[in-house]
Amino acid sequence: NTFPTWNSWPGLFASLVTGNPVVVKPHPQA
C-alpha cells in the first residue's frame, strides 16, 4: 500500500527482463 511502485518495480522488471511473464497483484488500496 505504501510504496506501490518503488517496492514493486524492481521485482517486476528483474523477472520480466530475465524472460519470465509477470502477474502483478496490487494491494487493494493501491
mmCIF file of all heavy atoms, coordinates in Angstrom:
data_MODEL
# 
_entry.id   MODEL 
# 
loop_
_atom_site.group_PDB 
_atom_site.id 
_atom_site.type_symbol 
_atom_site.label_atom_id 
_atom_site.label_alt_id 
_atom_site.label_comp_id 
_atom_site.label_asym_id 
_atom_site.label_entity_id 
_atom_site.label_seq_id 
_atom_site.pdbx_PDB_ins_code 
_atom_site.Cartn_x 
_atom_site.Cartn_y 
_atom_site.Cartn_z 
_atom_site.occupancy 
_atom_site.B_iso_or_equiv 
_atom_site.pdbx_formal_charge 
_atom_site.auth_seq_id 
_atom_site.auth_comp_id 
_atom_site.auth_asym_id 
_atom_site.auth_atom_id 
_atom_site.pdbx_PDB_model_num 
ATOM 1   N N   . ASN A 1 1  ? 0.812  -1.210  0.000   1.00 0.00 ? 1  ASN A N   1 
ATOM 2   C CA  . ASN A 1 1  ? 0.000  0.000   0.000   1.00 0.00 ? 1  ASN A CA  1 
ATOM 3   C C   . ASN A 1 1  ? 0.849  1.266   0.000   1.00 0.00 ? 1  ASN A C   1 
ATOM 4   O O   . ASN A 1 1  ? 0.516  2.255   -0.636  1.00 0.00 ? 1  ASN A O   1 
ATOM 5   C CB  . ASN A 1 1  ? -0.923 -0.027  1.217   1.00 0.00 ? 1  ASN A CB  1 
ATOM 6   C CG  . ASN A 1 1  ? -2.066 0.979   1.157   1.00 0.00 ? 1  ASN A CG  1 
ATOM 7   O OD1 . ASN A 1 1  ? -2.965 0.934   1.976   1.00 0.00 ? 1  ASN A OD1 1 
ATOM 8   N ND2 . ASN A 1 1  ? -2.059 1.893   0.203   1.00 0.00 ? 1  ASN A ND2 1 
ATOM 9   N N   . THR A 1 2  ? 1.961  1.238   0.727   1.00 0.00 ? 2  THR A N   1 
ATOM 10  C CA  . THR A 1 2  ? 2.701  2.465   0.993   1.00 0.00 ? 2  THR A CA  1 
ATOM 11  C C   . THR A 1 2  ? 3.641  2.877   -0.130  1.00 0.00 ? 2  THR A C   1 
ATOM 12  O O   . THR A 1 2  ? 3.837  4.062   -0.385  1.00 0.00 ? 2  THR A O   1 
ATOM 13  C CB  . THR A 1 2  ? 3.493  2.323   2.292   1.00 0.00 ? 2  THR A CB  1 
ATOM 14  O OG1 . THR A 1 2  ? 4.208  1.088   2.273   1.00 0.00 ? 2  THR A OG1 1 
ATOM 15  C CG2 . THR A 1 2  ? 2.556  2.350   3.495   1.00 0.00 ? 2  THR A CG2 1 
ATOM 16  N N   . PHE A 1 3  ? 4.256  1.911   -0.810  1.00 0.00 ? 3  PHE A N   1 
ATOM 17  C CA  . PHE A 1 3  ? 5.179  2.209   -1.907  1.00 0.00 ? 3  PHE A CA  1 
ATOM 18  C C   . PHE A 1 3  ? 4.852  1.292   -3.092  1.00 0.00 ? 3  PHE A C   1 
ATOM 19  O O   . PHE A 1 3  ? 5.601  0.360   -3.392  1.00 0.00 ? 3  PHE A O   1 
ATOM 20  C CB  . PHE A 1 3  ? 6.632  2.037   -1.462  1.00 0.00 ? 3  PHE A CB  1 
ATOM 21  C CG  . PHE A 1 3  ? 7.109  3.118   -0.541  1.00 0.00 ? 3  PHE A CG  1 
ATOM 22  C CD1 . PHE A 1 3  ? 6.916  3.018   0.826   1.00 0.00 ? 3  PHE A CD1 1 
ATOM 23  C CD2 . PHE A 1 3  ? 7.714  4.259   -1.037  1.00 0.00 ? 3  PHE A CD2 1 
ATOM 24  C CE1 . PHE A 1 3  ? 7.326  4.021   1.689   1.00 0.00 ? 3  PHE A CE1 1 
ATOM 25  C CE2 . PHE A 1 3  ? 8.137  5.271   -0.192  1.00 0.00 ? 3  PHE A CE2 1 
ATOM 26  C CZ  . PHE A 1 3  ? 7.939  5.154   1.180   1.00 0.00 ? 3  PHE A CZ  1 
ATOM 27  N N   . PRO A 1 4  ? 3.725  1.554   -3.755  1.00 0.00 ? 4  PRO A N   1 
ATOM 28  C CA  . PRO A 1 4  ? 3.255  0.610   -4.781  1.00 0.00 ? 4  PRO A CA  1 
ATOM 29  C C   . PRO A 1 4  ? 4.187  0.465   -5.975  1.00 0.00 ? 4  PRO A C   1 
ATOM 30  O O   . PRO A 1 4  ? 4.252  -0.614  -6.568  1.00 0.00 ? 4  PRO A O   1 
ATOM 31  C CB  . PRO A 1 4  ? 1.895  1.186   -5.192  1.00 0.00 ? 4  PRO A CB  1 
ATOM 32  C CG  . PRO A 1 4  ? 1.920  2.621   -4.755  1.00 0.00 ? 4  PRO A CG  1 
ATOM 33  C CD  . PRO A 1 4  ? 2.779  2.670   -3.551  1.00 0.00 ? 4  PRO A CD  1 
ATOM 34  N N   . THR A 1 5  ? 4.910  1.511   -6.326  1.00 0.00 ? 5  THR A N   1 
ATOM 35  C CA  . THR A 1 5  ? 5.840  1.401   -7.461  1.00 0.00 ? 5  THR A CA  1 
ATOM 36  C C   . THR A 1 5  ? 7.262  1.098   -6.987  1.00 0.00 ? 5  THR A C   1 
ATOM 37  O O   . THR A 1 5  ? 7.908  0.191   -7.489  1.00 0.00 ? 5  THR A O   1 
ATOM 38  C CB  . THR A 1 5  ? 5.844  2.696   -8.301  1.00 0.00 ? 5  THR A CB  1 
ATOM 39  O OG1 . THR A 1 5  ? 6.105  3.828   -7.448  1.00 0.00 ? 5  THR A OG1 1 
ATOM 40  C CG2 . THR A 1 5  ? 4.505  2.885   -8.991  1.00 0.00 ? 5  THR A CG2 1 
ATOM 41  N N   . TRP A 1 6  ? 7.739  1.838   -5.991  1.00 0.00 ? 6  TRP A N   1 
ATOM 42  C CA  . TRP A 1 6  ? 9.129  1.702   -5.547  1.00 0.00 ? 6  TRP A CA  1 
ATOM 43  C C   . TRP A 1 6  ? 9.430  0.277   -5.106  1.00 0.00 ? 6  TRP A C   1 
ATOM 44  O O   . TRP A 1 6  ? 10.505 -0.254  -5.386  1.00 0.00 ? 6  TRP A O   1 
ATOM 45  C CB  . TRP A 1 6  ? 9.389  2.682   -4.399  1.00 0.00 ? 6  TRP A CB  1 
ATOM 46  C CG  . TRP A 1 6  ? 10.830 2.973   -4.120  1.00 0.00 ? 6  TRP A CG  1 
ATOM 47  C CD1 . TRP A 1 6  ? 11.554 4.029   -4.580  1.00 0.00 ? 6  TRP A CD1 1 
ATOM 48  C CD2 . TRP A 1 6  ? 11.729 2.198   -3.302  1.00 0.00 ? 6  TRP A CD2 1 
ATOM 49  N NE1 . TRP A 1 6  ? 12.840 3.961   -4.107  1.00 0.00 ? 6  TRP A NE1 1 
ATOM 50  C CE2 . TRP A 1 6  ? 12.978 2.850   -3.318  1.00 0.00 ? 6  TRP A CE2 1 
ATOM 51  C CE3 . TRP A 1 6  ? 11.593 1.024   -2.575  1.00 0.00 ? 6  TRP A CE3 1 
ATOM 52  C CZ2 . TRP A 1 6  ? 14.080 2.376   -2.628  1.00 0.00 ? 6  TRP A CZ2 1 
ATOM 53  C CZ3 . TRP A 1 6  ? 12.697 0.534   -1.880  1.00 0.00 ? 6  TRP A CZ3 1 
ATOM 54  C CH2 . TRP A 1 6  ? 13.920 1.215   -1.913  1.00 0.00 ? 6  TRP A CH2 1 
ATOM 55  N N   . ASN A 1 7  ? 8.472  -0.363  -4.433  1.00 0.00 ? 7  ASN A N   1 
ATOM 56  C CA  . ASN A 1 7  ? 8.710  -1.712  -3.956  1.00 0.00 ? 7  ASN A CA  1 
ATOM 57  C C   . ASN A 1 7  ? 8.307  -2.796  -4.945  1.00 0.00 ? 7  ASN A C   1 
ATOM 58  O O   . ASN A 1 7  ? 8.682  -3.961  -4.756  1.00 0.00 ? 7  ASN A O   1 
ATOM 59  C CB  . ASN A 1 7  ? 7.966  -1.950  -2.632  1.00 0.00 ? 7  ASN A CB  1 
ATOM 60  C CG  . ASN A 1 7  ? 8.764  -1.491  -1.420  1.00 0.00 ? 7  ASN A CG  1 
ATOM 61  O OD1 . ASN A 1 7  ? 8.356  -0.589  -0.698  1.00 0.00 ? 7  ASN A OD1 1 
ATOM 62  N ND2 . ASN A 1 7  ? 9.912  -2.105  -1.187  1.00 0.00 ? 7  ASN A ND2 1 
ATOM 63  N N   . SER A 1 8  ? 7.565  -2.466  -5.976  1.00 0.00 ? 8  SER A N   1 
ATOM 64  C CA  . SER A 1 8  ? 7.116  -3.470  -6.945  1.00 0.00 ? 8  SER A CA  1 
ATOM 65  C C   . SER A 1 8  ? 7.950  -3.500  -8.215  1.00 0.00 ? 8  SER A C   1 
ATOM 66  O O   . SER A 1 8  ? 8.157  -4.566  -8.803  1.00 0.00 ? 8  SER A O   1 
ATOM 67  C CB  . SER A 1 8  ? 5.646  -3.228  -7.322  1.00 0.00 ? 8  SER A CB  1 
ATOM 68  O OG  . SER A 1 8  ? 4.797  -3.397  -6.223  1.00 0.00 ? 8  SER A OG  1 
ATOM 69  N N   . TRP A 1 9  ? 8.392  -2.351  -8.657  1.00 0.00 ? 9  TRP A N   1 
ATOM 70  C CA  . TRP A 1 9  ? 9.092  -2.296  -9.943  1.00 0.00 ? 9  TRP A CA  1 
ATOM 71  C C   . TRP A 1 9  ? 10.392 -3.091  -9.981  1.00 0.00 ? 9  TRP A C   1 
ATOM 72  O O   . TRP A 1 9  ? 10.675 -3.741  -10.996 1.00 0.00 ? 9  TRP A O   1 
ATOM 73  C CB  . TRP A 1 9  ? 9.333  -0.849  -10.340 1.00 0.00 ? 9  TRP A CB  1 
ATOM 74  C CG  . TRP A 1 9  ? 8.095  -0.152  -10.849 1.00 0.00 ? 9  TRP A CG  1 
ATOM 75  C CD1 . TRP A 1 9  ? 6.861  -0.702  -11.039 1.00 0.00 ? 9  TRP A CD1 1 
ATOM 76  C CD2 . TRP A 1 9  ? 7.984  1.221   -11.225 1.00 0.00 ? 9  TRP A CD2 1 
ATOM 77  N NE1 . TRP A 1 9  ? 5.981  0.252   -11.510 1.00 0.00 ? 9  TRP A NE1 1 
ATOM 78  C CE2 . TRP A 1 9  ? 6.644  1.433   -11.635 1.00 0.00 ? 9  TRP A CE2 1 
ATOM 79  C CE3 . TRP A 1 9  ? 8.865  2.286   -11.259 1.00 0.00 ? 9  TRP A CE3 1 
ATOM 80  C CZ2 . TRP A 1 9  ? 6.192  2.683   -12.075 1.00 0.00 ? 9  TRP A CZ2 1 
ATOM 81  C CZ3 . TRP A 1 9  ? 8.421  3.540   -11.693 1.00 0.00 ? 9  TRP A CZ3 1 
ATOM 82  C CH2 . TRP A 1 9  ? 7.098  3.728   -12.097 1.00 0.00 ? 9  TRP A CH2 1 
ATOM 83  N N   . PRO A 1 10 ? 11.220 -3.087  -8.939  1.00 0.00 ? 10 PRO A N   1 
ATOM 84  C CA  . PRO A 1 10 ? 12.455 -3.889  -9.039  1.00 0.00 ? 10 PRO A CA  1 
ATOM 85  C C   . PRO A 1 10 ? 12.181 -5.359  -9.337  1.00 0.00 ? 10 PRO A C   1 
ATOM 86  O O   . PRO A 1 10 ? 12.802 -5.955  -10.218 1.00 0.00 ? 10 PRO A O   1 
ATOM 87  C CB  . PRO A 1 10 ? 13.117 -3.686  -7.684  1.00 0.00 ? 10 PRO A CB  1 
ATOM 88  C CG  . PRO A 1 10 ? 12.648 -2.347  -7.234  1.00 0.00 ? 10 PRO A CG  1 
ATOM 89  C CD  . PRO A 1 10 ? 11.215 -2.278  -7.693  1.00 0.00 ? 10 PRO A CD  1 
ATOM 90  N N   . GLY A 1 11 ? 11.271 -5.976  -8.605  1.00 0.00 ? 11 GLY A N   1 
ATOM 91  C CA  . GLY A 1 11 ? 10.958 -7.381  -8.844  1.00 0.00 ? 11 GLY A CA  1 
ATOM 92  C C   . GLY A 1 11 ? 10.283 -7.606  -10.175 1.00 0.00 ? 11 GLY A C   1 
ATOM 93  O O   . GLY A 1 11 ? 10.575 -8.576  -10.886 1.00 0.00 ? 11 GLY A O   1 
ATOM 94  N N   . LEU A 1 12 ? 9.369  -6.700  -10.540 1.00 0.00 ? 12 LEU A N   1 
ATOM 95  C CA  . LEU A 1 12 ? 8.674  -6.822  -11.825 1.00 0.00 ? 12 LEU A CA  1 
ATOM 96  C C   . LEU A 1 12 ? 9.677  -6.849  -12.970 1.00 0.00 ? 12 LEU A C   1 
ATOM 97  O O   . LEU A 1 12 ? 9.650  -7.749  -13.829 1.00 0.00 ? 12 LEU A O   1 
ATOM 98  C CB  . LEU A 1 12 ? 7.694  -5.659  -11.981 1.00 0.00 ? 12 LEU A CB  1 
ATOM 99  C CG  . LEU A 1 12 ? 6.667  -5.679  -13.119 1.00 0.00 ? 12 LEU A CG  1 
ATOM 100 C CD1 . LEU A 1 12 ? 5.587  -4.623  -12.868 1.00 0.00 ? 12 LEU A CD1 1 
ATOM 101 C CD2 . LEU A 1 12 ? 7.267  -5.458  -14.499 1.00 0.00 ? 12 LEU A CD2 1 
ATOM 102 N N   . PHE A 1 13 ? 10.570 -5.863  -12.992 1.00 0.00 ? 13 PHE A N   1 
ATOM 103 C CA  . PHE A 1 13 ? 11.500 -5.761  -14.122 1.00 0.00 ? 13 PHE A CA  1 
ATOM 104 C C   . PHE A 1 13 ? 12.625 -6.785  -14.041 1.00 0.00 ? 13 PHE A C   1 
ATOM 105 O O   . PHE A 1 13 ? 13.111 -7.248  -15.083 1.00 0.00 ? 13 PHE A O   1 
ATOM 106 C CB  . PHE A 1 13 ? 12.034 -4.330  -14.235 1.00 0.00 ? 13 PHE A CB  1 
ATOM 107 C CG  . PHE A 1 13 ? 11.028 -3.377  -14.795 1.00 0.00 ? 13 PHE A CG  1 
ATOM 108 C CD1 . PHE A 1 13 ? 10.228 -2.619  -13.959 1.00 0.00 ? 13 PHE A CD1 1 
ATOM 109 C CD2 . PHE A 1 13 ? 10.828 -3.282  -16.162 1.00 0.00 ? 13 PHE A CD2 1 
ATOM 110 C CE1 . PHE A 1 13 ? 9.262  -1.767  -14.478 1.00 0.00 ? 13 PHE A CE1 1 
ATOM 111 C CE2 . PHE A 1 13 ? 9.870  -2.430  -16.692 1.00 0.00 ? 13 PHE A CE2 1 
ATOM 112 C CZ  . PHE A 1 13 ? 9.080  -1.670  -15.843 1.00 0.00 ? 13 PHE A CZ  1 
ATOM 113 N N   . ALA A 1 14 ? 13.040 -7.164  -12.832 1.00 0.00 ? 14 ALA A N   1 
ATOM 114 C CA  . ALA A 1 14 ? 14.048 -8.218  -12.715 1.00 0.00 ? 14 ALA A CA  1 
ATOM 115 C C   . ALA A 1 14 ? 13.522 -9.528  -13.278 1.00 0.00 ? 14 ALA A C   1 
ATOM 116 O O   . ALA A 1 14 ? 14.256 -10.283 -13.935 1.00 0.00 ? 14 ALA A O   1 
ATOM 117 C CB  . ALA A 1 14 ? 14.464 -8.392  -11.261 1.00 0.00 ? 14 ALA A CB  1 
ATOM 118 N N   . SER A 1 15 ? 12.249 -9.823  -13.041 1.00 0.00 ? 15 SER A N   1 
ATOM 119 C CA  . SER A 1 15 ? 11.661 -11.055 -13.568 1.00 0.00 ? 15 SER A CA  1 
ATOM 120 C C   . SER A 1 15 ? 11.383 -10.959 -15.055 1.00 0.00 ? 15 SER A C   1 
ATOM 121 O O   . SER A 1 15 ? 11.655 -11.892 -15.817 1.00 0.00 ? 15 SER A O   1 
ATOM 122 C CB  . SER A 1 15 ? 10.367 -11.378 -12.816 1.00 0.00 ? 15 SER A CB  1 
ATOM 123 O OG  . SER A 1 15 ? 10.642 -11.832 -11.513 1.00 0.00 ? 15 SER A OG  1 
ATOM 124 N N   . LEU A 1 16 ? 10.830 -9.835  -15.480 1.00 0.00 ? 16 LEU A N   1 
ATOM 125 C CA  . LEU A 1 16 ? 10.457 -9.698  -16.900 1.00 0.00 ? 16 LEU A CA  1 
ATOM 126 C C   . LEU A 1 16 ? 11.679 -9.730  -17.797 1.00 0.00 ? 16 LEU A C   1 
ATOM 127 O O   . LEU A 1 16 ? 11.698 -10.434 -18.825 1.00 0.00 ? 16 LEU A O   1 
ATOM 128 C CB  . LEU A 1 16 ? 9.680  -8.398  -17.096 1.00 0.00 ? 16 LEU A CB  1 
ATOM 129 C CG  . LEU A 1 16 ? 9.097  -8.171  -18.492 1.00 0.00 ? 16 LEU A CG  1 
ATOM 130 C CD1 . LEU A 1 16 ? 8.062  -9.240  -18.834 1.00 0.00 ? 16 LEU A CD1 1 
ATOM 131 C CD2 . LEU A 1 16 ? 8.475  -6.774  -18.597 1.00 0.00 ? 16 LEU A CD2 1 
ATOM 132 N N   . VAL A 1 17 ? 12.729 -9.009  -17.433 1.00 0.00 ? 17 VAL A N   1 
ATOM 133 C CA  . VAL A 1 17 ? 13.894 -8.923  -18.314 1.00 0.00 ? 17 VAL A CA  1 
ATOM 134 C C   . VAL A 1 17 ? 14.629 -10.263 -18.405 1.00 0.00 ? 17 VAL A C   1 
ATOM 135 O O   . VAL A 1 17 ? 15.304 -10.544 -19.408 1.00 0.00 ? 17 VAL A O   1 
ATOM 136 C CB  . VAL A 1 17 ? 14.841 -7.799  -17.834 1.00 0.00 ? 17 VAL A CB  1 
ATOM 137 C CG1 . VAL A 1 17 ? 15.629 -8.220  -16.602 1.00 0.00 ? 17 VAL A CG1 1 
ATOM 138 C CG2 . VAL A 1 17 ? 15.792 -7.361  -18.953 1.00 0.00 ? 17 VAL A CG2 1 
ATOM 139 N N   . THR A 1 18 ? 14.478 -11.111 -17.405 1.00 0.00 ? 18 THR A N   1 
ATOM 140 C CA  . THR A 1 18 ? 15.130 -12.429 -17.439 1.00 0.00 ? 18 THR A CA  1 
ATOM 141 C C   . THR A 1 18 ? 14.252 -13.495 -18.099 1.00 0.00 ? 18 THR A C   1 
ATOM 142 O O   . THR A 1 18 ? 14.596 -14.678 -18.070 1.00 0.00 ? 18 THR A O   1 
ATOM 143 C CB  . THR A 1 18 ? 15.517 -12.873 -16.018 1.00 0.00 ? 18 THR A CB  1 
ATOM 144 O OG1 . THR A 1 18 ? 14.401 -12.737 -15.141 1.00 0.00 ? 18 THR A OG1 1 
ATOM 145 C CG2 . THR A 1 18 ? 16.681 -12.032 -15.497 1.00 0.00 ? 18 THR A CG2 1 
ATOM 146 N N   . GLY A 1 19 ? 13.121 -13.071 -18.665 1.00 0.00 ? 19 GLY A N   1 
ATOM 147 C CA  . GLY A 1 19 ? 12.337 -13.966 -19.507 1.00 0.00 ? 19 GLY A CA  1 
ATOM 148 C C   . GLY A 1 19 ? 11.055 -14.492 -18.919 1.00 0.00 ? 19 GLY A C   1 
ATOM 149 O O   . GLY A 1 19 ? 10.357 -15.294 -19.557 1.00 0.00 ? 19 GLY A O   1 
ATOM 150 N N   . ASN A 1 20 ? 10.700 -14.042 -17.715 1.00 0.00 ? 20 ASN A N   1 
ATOM 151 C CA  . ASN A 1 20 ? 9.535  -14.579 -17.028 1.00 0.00 ? 20 ASN A CA  1 
ATOM 152 C C   . ASN A 1 20 ? 8.302  -13.706 -17.243 1.00 0.00 ? 20 ASN A C   1 
ATOM 153 O O   . ASN A 1 20 ? 8.384  -12.480 -17.102 1.00 0.00 ? 20 ASN A O   1 
ATOM 154 C CB  . ASN A 1 20 ? 9.807  -14.657 -15.527 1.00 0.00 ? 20 ASN A CB  1 
ATOM 155 C CG  . ASN A 1 20 ? 11.066 -15.428 -15.203 1.00 0.00 ? 20 ASN A CG  1 
ATOM 156 O OD1 . ASN A 1 20 ? 11.074 -16.645 -15.162 1.00 0.00 ? 20 ASN A OD1 1 
ATOM 157 N ND2 . ASN A 1 20 ? 12.166 -14.703 -14.976 1.00 0.00 ? 20 ASN A ND2 1 
ATOM 158 N N   . PRO A 1 21 ? 7.157  -14.290 -17.548 1.00 0.00 ? 21 PRO A N   1 
ATOM 159 C CA  . PRO A 1 21 ? 5.921  -13.499 -17.527 1.00 0.00 ? 21 PRO A CA  1 
ATOM 160 C C   . PRO A 1 21 ? 5.596  -13.090 -16.106 1.00 0.00 ? 21 PRO A C   1 
ATOM 161 O O   . PRO A 1 21 ? 5.938  -13.801 -15.153 1.00 0.00 ? 21 PRO A O   1 
ATOM 162 C CB  . PRO A 1 21 ? 4.875  -14.459 -18.090 1.00 0.00 ? 21 PRO A CB  1 
ATOM 163 C CG  . PRO A 1 21 ? 5.424  -15.822 -17.859 1.00 0.00 ? 21 PRO A CG  1 
ATOM 164 C CD  . PRO A 1 21 ? 6.921  -15.703 -17.884 1.00 0.00 ? 21 PRO A CD  1 
ATOM 165 N N   . VAL A 1 22 ? 4.949  -11.948 -15.948 1.00 0.00 ? 22 VAL A N   1 
ATOM 166 C CA  . VAL A 1 22 ? 4.731  -11.381 -14.617 1.00 0.00 ? 22 VAL A CA  1 
ATOM 167 C C   . VAL A 1 22 ? 3.253  -11.106 -14.393 1.00 0.00 ? 22 VAL A C   1 
ATOM 168 O O   . VAL A 1 22 ? 2.609  -10.424 -15.198 1.00 0.00 ? 22 VAL A O   1 
ATOM 169 C CB  . VAL A 1 22 ? 5.534  -10.077 -14.426 1.00 0.00 ? 22 VAL A CB  1 
ATOM 170 C CG1 . VAL A 1 22 ? 5.332  -9.536  -13.012 1.00 0.00 ? 22 VAL A CG1 1 
ATOM 171 C CG2 . VAL A 1 22 ? 7.014  -10.308 -14.700 1.00 0.00 ? 22 VAL A CG2 1 
ATOM 172 N N   . VAL A 1 23 ? 2.740  -11.627 -13.300 1.00 0.00 ? 23 VAL A N   1 
ATOM 173 C CA  . VAL A 1 23 ? 1.398  -11.293 -12.820 1.00 0.00 ? 23 VAL A CA  1 
ATOM 174 C C   . VAL A 1 23 ? 1.563  -10.300 -11.678 1.00 0.00 ? 23 VAL A C   1 
ATOM 175 O O   . VAL A 1 23 ? 2.234  -10.590 -10.683 1.00 0.00 ? 23 VAL A O   1 
ATOM 176 C CB  . VAL A 1 23 ? 0.634  -12.542 -12.341 1.00 0.00 ? 23 VAL A CB  1 
ATOM 177 C CG1 . VAL A 1 23 ? -0.707 -12.145 -11.725 1.00 0.00 ? 23 VAL A CG1 1 
ATOM 178 C CG2 . VAL A 1 23 ? 0.426  -13.511 -13.489 1.00 0.00 ? 23 VAL A CG2 1 
ATOM 179 N N   . VAL A 1 24 ? 0.961  -9.124  -11.821 1.00 0.00 ? 24 VAL A N   1 
ATOM 180 C CA  . VAL A 1 24 ? 1.083  -8.061  -10.828 1.00 0.00 ? 24 VAL A CA  1 
ATOM 181 C C   . VAL A 1 24 ? -0.181 -8.043  -9.986  1.00 0.00 ? 24 VAL A C   1 
ATOM 182 O O   . VAL A 1 24 ? -1.276 -7.756  -10.490 1.00 0.00 ? 24 VAL A O   1 
ATOM 183 C CB  . VAL A 1 24 ? 1.297  -6.694  -11.507 1.00 0.00 ? 24 VAL A CB  1 
ATOM 184 C CG1 . VAL A 1 24 ? 1.393  -5.591  -10.459 1.00 0.00 ? 24 VAL A CG1 1 
ATOM 185 C CG2 . VAL A 1 24 ? 2.553  -6.719  -12.369 1.00 0.00 ? 24 VAL A CG2 1 
ATOM 186 N N   . LYS A 1 25 ? -0.044 -8.378  -8.699  1.00 0.00 ? 25 LYS A N   1 
ATOM 187 C CA  . LYS A 1 25 ? -1.170 -8.400  -7.772  1.00 0.00 ? 25 LYS A CA  1 
ATOM 188 C C   . LYS A 1 25 ? -1.020 -7.214  -6.821  1.00 0.00 ? 25 LYS A C   1 
ATOM 189 O O   . LYS A 1 25 ? -0.305 -7.274  -5.829  1.00 0.00 ? 25 LYS A O   1 
ATOM 190 C CB  . LYS A 1 25 ? -1.172 -9.723  -6.986  1.00 0.00 ? 25 LYS A CB  1 
ATOM 191 C CG  . LYS A 1 25 ? -2.551 -10.190 -6.522  1.00 0.00 ? 25 LYS A CG  1 
ATOM 192 C CD  . LYS A 1 25 ? -3.248 -9.263  -5.552  1.00 0.00 ? 25 LYS A CD  1 
ATOM 193 C CE  . LYS A 1 25 ? -2.558 -9.178  -4.205  1.00 0.00 ? 25 LYS A CE  1 
ATOM 194 N NZ  . LYS A 1 25 ? -3.300 -8.245  -3.266  1.00 0.00 ? 25 LYS A NZ  1 
ATOM 195 N N   . PRO A 1 26 ? -1.688 -6.093  -7.113  1.00 0.00 ? 26 PRO A N   1 
ATOM 196 C CA  . PRO A 1 26 ? -1.514 -4.910  -6.275  1.00 0.00 ? 26 PRO A CA  1 
ATOM 197 C C   . PRO A 1 26 ? -2.267 -5.017  -4.966  1.00 0.00 ? 26 PRO A C   1 
ATOM 198 O O   . PRO A 1 26 ? -3.200 -5.806  -4.814  1.00 0.00 ? 26 PRO A O   1 
ATOM 199 C CB  . PRO A 1 26 ? -2.097 -3.788  -7.147  1.00 0.00 ? 26 PRO A CB  1 
ATOM 200 C CG  . PRO A 1 26 ? -3.103 -4.474  -8.016  1.00 0.00 ? 26 PRO A CG  1 
ATOM 201 C CD  . PRO A 1 26 ? -2.589 -5.862  -8.245  1.00 0.00 ? 26 PRO A CD  1 
ATOM 202 N N   . HIS A 1 27 ? -1.858 -4.204  -4.007  1.00 0.00 ? 27 HIS A N   1 
ATOM 203 C CA  . HIS A 1 27 ? -2.637 -4.063  -2.785  1.00 0.00 ? 27 HIS A CA  1 
ATOM 204 C C   . HIS A 1 27 ? -3.987 -3.447  -3.165  1.00 0.00 ? 27 HIS A C   1 
ATOM 205 O O   . HIS A 1 27 ? -4.041 -2.518  -3.982  1.00 0.00 ? 27 HIS A O   1 
ATOM 206 C CB  . HIS A 1 27 ? -1.900 -3.152  -1.802  1.00 0.00 ? 27 HIS A CB  1 
ATOM 207 C CG  . HIS A 1 27 ? -2.494 -3.116  -0.431  1.00 0.00 ? 27 HIS A CG  1 
ATOM 208 N ND1 . HIS A 1 27 ? -3.653 -2.422  -0.136  1.00 0.00 ? 27 HIS A ND1 1 
ATOM 209 C CD2 . HIS A 1 27 ? -2.099 -3.697  0.740   1.00 0.00 ? 27 HIS A CD2 1 
ATOM 210 C CE1 . HIS A 1 27 ? -3.941 -2.567  1.147   1.00 0.00 ? 27 HIS A CE1 1 
ATOM 211 N NE2 . HIS A 1 27 ? -3.013 -3.340  1.702   1.00 0.00 ? 27 HIS A NE2 1 
ATOM 212 N N   . PRO A 1 28 ? -5.094 -3.914  -2.588  1.00 0.00 ? 28 PRO A N   1 
ATOM 213 C CA  . PRO A 1 28 ? -6.398 -3.377  -2.980  1.00 0.00 ? 28 PRO A CA  1 
ATOM 214 C C   . PRO A 1 28 ? -6.548 -1.873  -2.803  1.00 0.00 ? 28 PRO A C   1 
ATOM 215 O O   . PRO A 1 28 ? -7.363 -1.243  -3.488  1.00 0.00 ? 28 PRO A O   1 
ATOM 216 C CB  . PRO A 1 28 ? -7.368 -4.142  -2.068  1.00 0.00 ? 28 PRO A CB  1 
ATOM 217 C CG  . PRO A 1 28 ? -6.681 -5.428  -1.770  1.00 0.00 ? 28 PRO A CG  1 
ATOM 218 C CD  . PRO A 1 28 ? -5.225 -5.070  -1.670  1.00 0.00 ? 28 PRO A CD  1 
ATOM 219 N N   . GLN A 1 29 ? -5.765 -1.276  -1.905  1.00 0.00 ? 29 GLN A N   1 
ATOM 220 C CA  . GLN A 1 29 ? -5.839 0.168   -1.704  1.00 0.00 ? 29 GLN A CA  1 
ATOM 221 C C   . GLN A 1 29 ? -4.886 0.948   -2.611  1.00 0.00 ? 29 GLN A C   1 
ATOM 222 O O   . GLN A 1 29 ? -4.897 2.179   -2.595  1.00 0.00 ? 29 GLN A O   1 
ATOM 223 C CB  . GLN A 1 29 ? -5.526 0.495   -0.243  1.00 0.00 ? 29 GLN A CB  1 
ATOM 224 C CG  . GLN A 1 29 ? -6.607 0.082   0.733   1.00 0.00 ? 29 GLN A CG  1 
ATOM 225 C CD  . GLN A 1 29 ? -7.865 0.929   0.617   1.00 0.00 ? 29 GLN A CD  1 
ATOM 226 O OE1 . GLN A 1 29 ? -7.839 2.035   0.089   1.00 0.00 ? 29 GLN A OE1 1 
ATOM 227 N NE2 . GLN A 1 29 ? -8.979 0.402   1.092   1.00 0.00 ? 29 GLN A NE2 1 
ATOM 228 N N   . ALA A 1 30 ? -4.071 0.252   -3.382  1.00 0.00 ? 30 ALA A N   1 
ATOM 229 C CA  . ALA A 1 30 ? -3.071 0.943   -4.215  1.00 0.00 ? 30 ALA A CA  1 
ATOM 230 C C   . ALA A 1 30 ? -2.938 0.234   -5.561  1.00 0.00 ? 30 ALA A C   1 
ATOM 231 O O   . ALA A 1 30 ? -1.879 -0.292  -5.907  1.00 0.00 ? 30 ALA A O   1 
ATOM 232 C CB  . ALA A 1 30 ? -1.728 1.003   -3.494  1.00 0.00 ? 30 ALA A CB  1 
# 
